Amino acid sequence: MPEPVESALHDAIQHANPDALRKILQQLCIRNDEAAALTRSTLMDNIDGGRERERYETCKHCKAEYDVTKNEKGDCVYHPGR
């Protein structure tokens, strides 16, 4: 189990600009296979034939972010399920 993020680093992550965090995450994924695998398993979903798709999308109609793997009956009617 990974160690918790130290307090100062945790605070820096919480207050960082989202664009800067994206760049850092991309660099981590390029430099570290374990970071890339963890990011892929969190942000991507495997679909038929081994293809992948983004796991989180934003509804064009209601603007809510949703997890495409958990889009069940009763969710926003505009979110297509599997």
Protein backbone atom coordinates (compact mmCIF):
# COMPACT_ATOMS: atom_id res chain seq x y z
CA MET A 1 0.00 0.00 0.00
CA PRO A 2 1.43 3.42 -0.94
CA GLU A 3 2.44 5.77 1.82
CA PRO A 4 0.22 8.82 2.36
CA VAL A 5 1.33 12.02 0.66
CA GLU A 6 3.19 14.26 3.07
CA SER A 7 1.17 17.23 4.31
CA ALA A 8 3.10 19.98 2.49
CA LEU A 9 2.99 18.11 -0.83
CA HIS A 10 -0.70 17.32 -0.33
CA ASP A 11 -1.41 21.03 0.21
CA ALA A 12 0.63 21.98 -2.88
CA ILE A 13 -1.37 19.50 -5.00
CA GLN A 14 -4.66 20.83 -3.61
CA HIS A 15 -3.75 24.41 -4.54
CA ALA A 16 -2.00 23.82 -7.87
CA ASN A 17 -3.37 25.01 -11.18
CA PRO A 18 -5.20 22.15 -13.00
CA ASP A 19 -3.22 22.75 -16.21
CA ALA A 20 0.06 22.46 -14.30
CA LEU A 21 -1.14 19.23 -12.68
CA ARG A 22 -1.99 17.78 -16.11
CA LYS A 23 1.52 18.55 -17.38
CA ILE A 24 3.10 16.98 -14.29
CA LEU A 25 0.94 13.86 -14.62
CA GLN A 26 1.83 13.53 -18.31
CA GLN A 27 5.55 13.77 -17.48
CA LEU A 28 5.21 11.19 -14.70
CA CYS A 29 3.50 8.80 -17.12
CA ILE A 30 6.27 9.25 -19.68
CA ARG A 31 9.03 8.66 -17.12
CA ASN A 32 7.49 5.93 -14.96
CA ASP A 33 5.68 2.82 -16.20
CA GLU A 34 3.99 2.24 -12.83
CA ALA A 35 2.60 5.79 -12.83
CA ALA A 36 1.37 5.29 -16.40
CA ALA A 37 -0.33 2.00 -15.50
CA LEU A 38 -2.04 3.51 -12.45
CA THR A 39 -3.20 6.52 -14.45
CA ARG A 40 -4.47 4.31 -17.28
CA SER A 41 -6.41 2.04 -14.90
CA THR A 42 -8.00 5.09 -13.24
CA LEU A 43 -8.85 7.20 -16.30
CA MET A 44 -9.47 4.61 -19.02
CA ASP A 45 -12.04 1.85 -19.53
CA ASN A 46 -11.47 -1.29 -21.58
CA ILE A 47 -14.20 -2.00 -24.10
CA ASP A 48 -14.76 -4.76 -26.64
CA GLY A 49 -11.77 -5.97 -28.62
CA GLY A 50 -9.26 -4.56 -26.12
CA ARG A 51 -9.93 -0.99 -27.18
CA GLU A 52 -9.95 1.77 -24.57
CA ARG A 53 -12.09 4.83 -24.01
CA GLU A 54 -12.00 7.68 -21.54
CA ARG A 55 -13.73 6.67 -18.32
CA TYR A 56 -15.03 10.12 -17.37
CA GLU A 57 -17.05 12.30 -19.70
CA THR A 58 -19.02 15.53 -19.37
CA CYS A 59 -22.63 15.47 -20.51
CA LYS A 60 -23.25 17.84 -23.40
CA HIS A 61 -26.74 18.52 -22.09
CA CYS A 62 -26.55 18.82 -18.30
CA LYS A 63 -22.77 19.54 -18.08
CA ALA A 64 -22.30 16.99 -15.26
CA GLU A 65 -19.25 14.75 -15.26
CA TYR A 66 -20.10 11.06 -15.13
CA ASP A 67 -18.29 7.73 -15.03
CA VAL A 68 -19.19 5.83 -18.19
CA THR A 69 -18.64 2.51 -16.37
CA LYS A 70 -21.30 3.38 -13.78
CA ASN A 71 -23.94 4.89 -16.03
CA GLU A 72 -26.92 2.92 -14.78
CA LYS A 73 -30.63 3.27 -15.26
CA GLY A 74 -31.78 6.43 -13.51
CA ASP A 75 -28.71 8.46 -14.43
CA CYS A 76 -29.06 11.42 -16.75
CA VAL A 77 -31.11 10.20 -19.70
CA TYR A 78 -28.59 11.74 -22.09
CA HIS A 79 -25.70 9.56 -20.86
CA PRO A 80 -25.54 6.45 -23.03
CA GLY A 81 -24.77 3.34 -21.03
CA ARG A 82 -22.65 0.44 -22.18
